[in-house]
N, C-alpha and C. Protein backbone atom coordinates (compact mmCIF):
# COMPACT_ATOMS: atom_id res chain seq x y z
N UNK A 1 251.54 153.15 168.91
CA UNK A 1 251.99 152.47 170.09
C UNK A 1 250.99 152.75 171.20
N UNK A 2 250.52 151.70 171.84
CA UNK A 2 249.54 151.86 172.91
C UNK A 2 250.13 151.38 174.22
N UNK A 3 249.73 152.04 175.30
CA UNK A 3 250.20 151.68 176.63
C UNK A 3 249.04 151.09 177.41
N UNK A 4 249.33 150.09 178.18
CA UNK A 4 248.31 149.53 179.07
C UNK A 4 248.17 150.45 180.27
N UNK A 5 247.11 150.23 181.04
CA UNK A 5 246.90 151.01 182.26
C UNK A 5 248.06 150.84 183.22
N UNK A 6 248.58 149.63 183.29
CA UNK A 6 249.71 149.34 184.19
C UNK A 6 250.95 150.11 183.74
N UNK A 7 251.21 150.17 182.44
CA UNK A 7 252.37 150.90 181.91
C UNK A 7 252.24 152.39 182.19
N UNK A 8 251.02 152.92 182.01
CA UNK A 8 250.80 154.34 182.29
C UNK A 8 251.02 154.65 183.76
N UNK A 9 250.53 153.79 184.65
CA UNK A 9 250.70 153.98 186.09
C UNK A 9 252.18 153.96 186.45
N UNK A 10 252.93 153.04 185.82
CA UNK A 10 254.37 152.96 186.08
C UNK A 10 255.07 154.24 185.64
N UNK A 11 254.74 154.72 184.44
CA UNK A 11 255.37 155.93 183.93
C UNK A 11 255.04 157.15 184.77
N UNK A 12 253.83 157.19 185.34
CA UNK A 12 253.46 158.30 186.20
C UNK A 12 254.13 158.20 187.57
N UNK A 13 254.34 156.99 188.06
CA UNK A 13 254.93 156.80 189.40
C UNK A 13 256.44 156.92 189.39
N UNK A 14 257.07 156.67 188.25
CA UNK A 14 258.53 156.68 188.17
C UNK A 14 259.17 158.00 188.62
N UNK A 15 258.70 159.17 188.13
CA UNK A 15 259.32 160.42 188.60
C UNK A 15 259.18 160.62 190.11
N UNK A 16 258.05 160.20 190.68
CA UNK A 16 257.89 160.34 192.14
C UNK A 16 258.86 159.44 192.88
N UNK A 17 259.05 158.22 192.38
CA UNK A 17 260.00 157.31 193.02
C UNK A 17 261.42 157.86 192.95
N UNK A 18 261.78 158.42 191.79
CA UNK A 18 263.12 159.00 191.64
C UNK A 18 263.32 160.19 192.56
N UNK A 19 262.28 161.00 192.74
CA UNK A 19 262.37 162.13 193.67
C UNK A 19 262.58 161.64 195.10
N UNK A 20 261.87 160.58 195.48
CA UNK A 20 262.02 160.03 196.84
C UNK A 20 263.42 159.50 197.07
N UNK A 21 263.98 158.80 196.07
CA UNK A 21 265.36 158.29 196.19
C UNK A 21 266.33 159.45 196.29
N UNK A 22 266.15 160.50 195.48
CA UNK A 22 267.03 161.67 195.53
C UNK A 22 266.95 162.38 196.87
N UNK A 23 265.76 162.50 197.44
CA UNK A 23 265.60 163.15 198.75
C UNK A 23 266.27 162.33 199.84
N UNK A 24 266.12 161.01 199.79
CA UNK A 24 266.77 160.15 200.80
C UNK A 24 268.28 160.25 200.69
N UNK A 25 268.81 160.27 199.46
CA UNK A 25 270.25 160.38 199.25
C UNK A 25 270.76 161.72 199.78
N UNK A 26 270.06 162.82 199.47
CA UNK A 26 270.47 164.15 199.92
C UNK A 26 270.47 164.22 201.44
N UNK A 27 269.46 163.60 202.07
CA UNK A 27 269.40 163.62 203.54
C UNK A 27 270.55 162.85 204.14
N UNK A 28 270.91 161.69 203.55
CA UNK A 28 271.99 160.88 204.10
C UNK A 28 273.35 161.51 203.84
N UNK A 29 273.44 162.42 202.86
CA UNK A 29 274.71 163.05 202.55
C UNK A 29 274.89 164.39 203.26
N UNK A 30 274.03 164.71 204.19
CA UNK A 30 274.18 165.95 204.95
C UNK A 30 275.48 165.86 205.75
N UNK A 31 276.37 166.81 205.57
CA UNK A 31 277.66 166.71 206.27
C UNK A 31 277.54 166.97 207.77
N UNK A 32 278.48 166.41 208.51
CA UNK A 32 278.60 166.68 209.93
C UNK A 32 279.17 168.09 210.07
N UNK A 33 278.55 168.92 210.89
CA UNK A 33 278.99 170.31 211.03
C UNK A 33 279.88 170.47 212.27
N UNK A 34 280.96 171.22 212.07
CA UNK A 34 281.87 171.58 213.16
C UNK A 34 282.12 173.07 213.03
N UNK A 35 282.03 173.79 214.12
CA UNK A 35 282.29 175.22 214.08
C UNK A 35 283.79 175.49 214.01
N UNK A 36 284.16 176.54 213.30
CA UNK A 36 285.55 176.95 213.18
C UNK A 36 286.11 177.25 214.57
N UNK A 37 287.28 176.71 214.85
CA UNK A 37 287.99 176.89 216.13
C UNK A 37 287.23 176.31 217.32
N UNK A 38 286.39 175.31 217.07
CA UNK A 38 285.68 174.61 218.13
C UNK A 38 285.94 173.11 217.99
N UNK A 39 285.74 172.40 219.08
CA UNK A 39 285.90 170.94 219.09
C UNK A 39 284.55 170.27 219.20
N UNK A 40 284.44 169.10 218.61
CA UNK A 40 283.24 168.28 218.71
C UNK A 40 283.66 166.88 219.10
N UNK A 41 283.02 166.31 220.11
CA UNK A 41 283.36 164.99 220.61
C UNK A 41 282.50 163.95 219.91
N UNK A 42 283.15 162.90 219.38
CA UNK A 42 282.45 161.79 218.76
C UNK A 42 282.62 160.56 219.63
N UNK A 43 281.54 160.04 220.19
CA UNK A 43 281.57 158.81 220.98
C UNK A 43 281.19 157.67 220.04
N UNK A 44 282.01 156.64 220.00
CA UNK A 44 281.82 155.55 219.07
C UNK A 44 281.39 154.28 219.80
N UNK A 45 280.71 153.39 219.07
CA UNK A 45 280.19 152.17 219.70
C UNK A 45 281.21 151.04 219.79
N UNK A 46 282.36 151.19 219.11
CA UNK A 46 283.42 150.19 219.21
C UNK A 46 284.78 150.87 219.08
N UNK A 47 285.83 150.21 219.57
CA UNK A 47 287.17 150.81 219.50
C UNK A 47 287.63 151.00 218.06
N UNK A 48 288.44 152.02 217.86
CA UNK A 48 288.95 152.32 216.52
C UNK A 48 290.47 152.14 216.47
N UNK A 49 290.96 151.88 215.26
CA UNK A 49 292.40 151.73 215.10
C UNK A 49 293.01 152.78 214.19
N UNK A 50 292.19 153.35 213.27
CA UNK A 50 292.71 154.35 212.34
C UNK A 50 291.71 155.48 212.21
N UNK A 51 292.26 156.71 212.17
CA UNK A 51 291.45 157.91 211.95
C UNK A 51 292.09 158.67 210.80
N UNK A 52 291.30 158.92 209.75
CA UNK A 52 291.82 159.57 208.56
C UNK A 52 290.98 160.80 208.26
N UNK A 53 291.64 161.96 208.13
CA UNK A 53 290.96 163.20 207.74
C UNK A 53 291.46 163.54 206.34
N UNK A 54 290.52 163.77 205.43
CA UNK A 54 290.89 164.06 204.04
C UNK A 54 291.81 165.25 203.91
N UNK A 55 291.48 166.35 204.57
CA UNK A 55 292.30 167.57 204.51
C UNK A 55 292.49 168.08 205.93
N UNK A 56 293.66 167.84 206.48
CA UNK A 56 293.91 168.19 207.88
C UNK A 56 294.06 169.69 208.12
N UNK A 57 294.10 170.49 207.06
CA UNK A 57 294.10 171.93 207.28
C UNK A 57 292.69 172.44 207.55
N UNK A 58 291.67 171.66 207.17
CA UNK A 58 290.28 172.05 207.42
C UNK A 58 289.81 171.52 208.78
N UNK A 59 290.10 170.27 209.08
CA UNK A 59 289.70 169.68 210.36
C UNK A 59 290.80 168.78 210.88
N UNK A 60 290.84 168.63 212.18
CA UNK A 60 291.83 167.79 212.83
C UNK A 60 291.09 166.81 213.72
N UNK A 61 291.53 165.56 213.76
CA UNK A 61 290.92 164.54 214.61
C UNK A 61 291.97 164.01 215.57
N UNK A 62 291.61 163.96 216.85
CA UNK A 62 292.50 163.45 217.89
C UNK A 62 291.81 162.29 218.59
N UNK A 63 292.55 161.21 218.82
CA UNK A 63 292.01 160.07 219.53
C UNK A 63 292.18 160.31 221.03
N UNK A 64 291.06 160.55 221.73
CA UNK A 64 291.11 160.77 223.18
C UNK A 64 291.23 159.44 223.91
N UNK A 65 290.50 158.43 223.46
CA UNK A 65 290.60 157.06 223.92
C UNK A 65 290.07 156.19 222.79
N UNK A 66 290.14 154.85 222.88
CA UNK A 66 289.76 154.01 221.74
C UNK A 66 288.32 154.20 221.23
N UNK A 67 287.44 154.79 222.02
CA UNK A 67 286.05 155.00 221.60
C UNK A 67 285.65 156.48 221.53
N UNK A 68 286.62 157.38 221.70
CA UNK A 68 286.31 158.81 221.70
C UNK A 68 287.28 159.55 220.79
N UNK A 69 286.70 160.28 219.81
CA UNK A 69 287.48 161.09 218.88
C UNK A 69 287.07 162.55 219.08
N UNK A 70 288.04 163.44 219.10
CA UNK A 70 287.76 164.87 219.20
C UNK A 70 288.08 165.48 217.84
N UNK A 71 287.06 166.07 217.23
CA UNK A 71 287.18 166.68 215.91
C UNK A 71 287.21 168.19 216.09
N UNK A 72 288.23 168.86 215.52
CA UNK A 72 288.39 170.30 215.68
C UNK A 72 288.37 170.98 214.33
N UNK A 73 287.55 172.03 214.21
CA UNK A 73 287.48 172.81 212.98
C UNK A 73 288.64 173.80 212.92
N UNK A 74 289.48 173.69 211.89
CA UNK A 74 290.66 174.54 211.79
C UNK A 74 290.51 175.66 210.77
N UNK A 75 289.89 175.37 209.62
CA UNK A 75 289.70 176.34 208.54
C UNK A 75 288.34 176.07 207.92
N UNK A 76 287.64 177.12 207.54
CA UNK A 76 286.33 176.92 206.90
C UNK A 76 286.50 176.13 205.61
N UNK A 77 285.65 175.13 205.42
CA UNK A 77 285.70 174.33 204.20
C UNK A 77 285.06 172.97 204.43
N UNK A 78 285.21 172.10 203.42
CA UNK A 78 284.63 170.76 203.44
C UNK A 78 285.72 169.73 203.30
N UNK A 79 285.65 168.67 204.10
CA UNK A 79 286.58 167.55 203.98
C UNK A 79 285.82 166.29 204.36
N UNK A 80 286.53 165.20 204.59
CA UNK A 80 285.86 163.99 205.04
C UNK A 80 286.63 163.35 206.19
N UNK A 81 285.92 162.49 206.91
CA UNK A 81 286.48 161.78 208.06
C UNK A 81 286.17 160.31 207.89
N UNK A 82 287.20 159.47 207.96
CA UNK A 82 287.04 158.03 207.90
C UNK A 82 287.67 157.45 209.16
N UNK A 83 286.91 156.65 209.88
CA UNK A 83 287.40 156.00 211.09
C UNK A 83 287.21 154.50 210.90
N UNK A 84 288.30 153.74 211.09
CA UNK A 84 288.27 152.29 210.89
C UNK A 84 288.50 151.55 212.21
N UNK A 85 287.88 150.37 212.34
CA UNK A 85 288.11 149.55 213.52
C UNK A 85 289.33 148.66 213.29
N UNK A 86 289.60 147.74 214.22
CA UNK A 86 290.80 146.90 214.13
C UNK A 86 290.75 145.93 212.95
N UNK A 87 289.55 145.67 212.40
CA UNK A 87 289.41 144.82 211.22
C UNK A 87 289.38 145.63 209.93
N UNK A 88 289.74 146.92 210.03
CA UNK A 88 289.70 147.86 208.90
C UNK A 88 288.31 148.03 208.31
N UNK A 89 287.28 147.86 209.14
CA UNK A 89 285.90 148.10 208.74
C UNK A 89 285.53 149.53 209.14
N UNK A 90 284.82 150.26 208.29
CA UNK A 90 284.47 151.64 208.62
C UNK A 90 283.51 151.74 209.80
N UNK A 91 283.88 152.57 210.76
CA UNK A 91 283.00 152.91 211.88
C UNK A 91 282.29 154.22 211.53
N UNK A 92 283.04 155.15 210.93
CA UNK A 92 282.51 156.43 210.48
C UNK A 92 283.08 156.71 209.09
N UNK A 93 282.24 157.18 208.19
CA UNK A 93 282.67 157.64 206.87
C UNK A 93 281.75 158.80 206.52
N UNK A 94 282.15 160.00 206.92
CA UNK A 94 281.28 161.18 206.83
C UNK A 94 282.00 162.36 206.19
N UNK A 95 281.22 163.21 205.55
CA UNK A 95 281.74 164.50 205.11
C UNK A 95 281.67 165.45 206.29
N UNK A 96 282.65 166.33 206.40
CA UNK A 96 282.74 167.30 207.49
C UNK A 96 282.68 168.70 206.90
N UNK A 97 281.77 169.51 207.42
CA UNK A 97 281.68 170.91 207.02
C UNK A 97 282.14 171.76 208.20
N UNK A 98 283.23 172.49 208.00
CA UNK A 98 283.71 173.42 209.03
C UNK A 98 283.27 174.81 208.61
N UNK A 99 282.53 175.48 209.50
CA UNK A 99 281.98 176.79 209.17
C UNK A 99 282.08 177.72 210.37
N UNK A 100 282.02 179.01 210.08
CA UNK A 100 282.01 180.02 211.14
C UNK A 100 280.71 179.95 211.92
N UNK A 101 280.77 180.36 213.17
CA UNK A 101 279.56 180.51 213.97
C UNK A 101 278.94 181.84 213.56
N UNK A 102 278.12 181.79 212.51
CA UNK A 102 277.57 183.02 211.91
C UNK A 102 276.72 183.82 212.89
N UNK A 103 276.18 183.16 213.89
CA UNK A 103 275.31 183.85 214.84
C UNK A 103 276.07 184.87 215.68
N UNK A 104 277.35 184.63 215.92
CA UNK A 104 278.12 185.49 216.80
C UNK A 104 279.35 186.08 216.13
N UNK A 105 279.22 186.41 214.85
CA UNK A 105 280.37 186.97 214.14
C UNK A 105 280.02 188.27 213.43
N UNK A 106 281.06 189.02 213.13
CA UNK A 106 280.94 190.25 212.37
C UNK A 106 281.99 190.19 211.27
N UNK A 107 281.59 190.48 210.04
CA UNK A 107 282.53 190.51 208.92
C UNK A 107 282.87 191.97 208.63
N UNK A 108 284.15 192.27 208.64
CA UNK A 108 284.64 193.61 208.35
C UNK A 108 285.44 193.52 207.06
N UNK A 109 285.02 194.29 206.04
CA UNK A 109 285.68 194.25 204.74
C UNK A 109 286.57 195.47 204.58
N UNK A 110 287.85 195.21 204.28
CA UNK A 110 288.80 196.24 203.89
C UNK A 110 289.18 195.92 202.46
N UNK A 111 288.73 196.76 201.56
CA UNK A 111 288.85 196.46 200.13
C UNK A 111 288.02 195.22 199.86
N UNK A 112 288.60 194.12 199.43
CA UNK A 112 287.84 192.90 199.19
C UNK A 112 288.19 191.79 200.17
N UNK A 113 289.08 192.06 201.09
CA UNK A 113 289.52 191.05 202.05
C UNK A 113 288.69 191.13 203.33
N UNK A 114 287.95 190.05 203.67
CA UNK A 114 287.15 190.10 204.89
C UNK A 114 287.97 189.74 206.12
N UNK A 115 287.65 190.38 207.23
CA UNK A 115 288.16 190.00 208.53
C UNK A 115 286.94 189.57 209.33
N UNK A 116 287.00 188.37 209.86
CA UNK A 116 285.86 187.84 210.61
C UNK A 116 286.18 187.97 212.09
N UNK A 117 285.30 188.68 212.79
CA UNK A 117 285.50 188.92 214.22
C UNK A 117 284.50 188.11 215.02
N UNK A 118 284.95 187.57 216.12
CA UNK A 118 284.08 186.85 217.04
C UNK A 118 283.47 187.86 218.01
N UNK A 119 282.16 187.82 218.15
CA UNK A 119 281.45 188.81 218.97
C UNK A 119 280.70 188.13 220.11
N UNK A 120 281.44 187.67 221.10
CA UNK A 120 280.83 187.00 222.24
C UNK A 120 281.50 187.45 223.53
N UNK A 121 281.12 188.42 224.22
CA UNK A 121 280.06 189.38 223.94
C UNK A 121 280.54 190.60 223.18
N UNK A 122 281.85 190.88 223.18
CA UNK A 122 282.35 192.02 222.41
C UNK A 122 283.12 191.49 221.20
N UNK A 123 283.20 192.29 220.15
CA UNK A 123 283.85 191.84 218.91
C UNK A 123 285.36 191.91 219.04
N UNK A 124 286.01 190.76 218.78
CA UNK A 124 287.46 190.65 218.84
C UNK A 124 287.93 189.79 217.70
N UNK A 125 289.17 190.04 217.26
CA UNK A 125 289.75 189.18 216.23
C UNK A 125 290.04 187.81 216.85
N UNK A 126 289.81 186.72 216.08
CA UNK A 126 290.10 185.40 216.64
C UNK A 126 291.59 185.19 216.80
N UNK A 127 291.94 184.40 217.79
CA UNK A 127 293.35 184.05 218.00
C UNK A 127 293.79 183.13 216.87
N UNK A 128 295.02 183.27 216.42
CA UNK A 128 295.54 182.39 215.38
C UNK A 128 296.31 181.27 216.01
N UNK A 129 296.21 180.10 215.39
CA UNK A 129 296.90 178.92 215.89
C UNK A 129 298.20 178.76 215.11
N UNK A 130 299.30 178.63 215.82
CA UNK A 130 300.58 178.46 215.17
C UNK A 130 300.94 176.98 215.20
N UNK A 131 301.36 176.46 214.03
CA UNK A 131 301.79 175.07 213.94
C UNK A 131 303.28 174.99 214.18
N UNK A 132 303.70 174.08 215.01
CA UNK A 132 305.12 173.91 215.29
C UNK A 132 305.74 172.93 214.36
């Protein structure tokens, strides 16, 4: 079996093209980051009618006005956020990563259970949120 120069060039270029597609996909799938126990404001270009959070124990979304959503990190983890306009067209469809502010925290281990303390400027246990 013989390959033409064009076939060889294609076979050599194919892995590079696949790598480029994989890199573009990985970049577009980078999750939106929200710090644990912090809020992030999302300003939208058009009014929304529905806001859906995949797992509301990880993140919470509040509609401040038709074009402003406040996203709050409740528990460390990954979920998704879908925001639809009045025609049920997606305005936002993103993965959400809720994580600790590692720069200003201290982990204290008792046995195998970690306690994460907020250290801004002194180390204190975070306040717990009670659901009514």
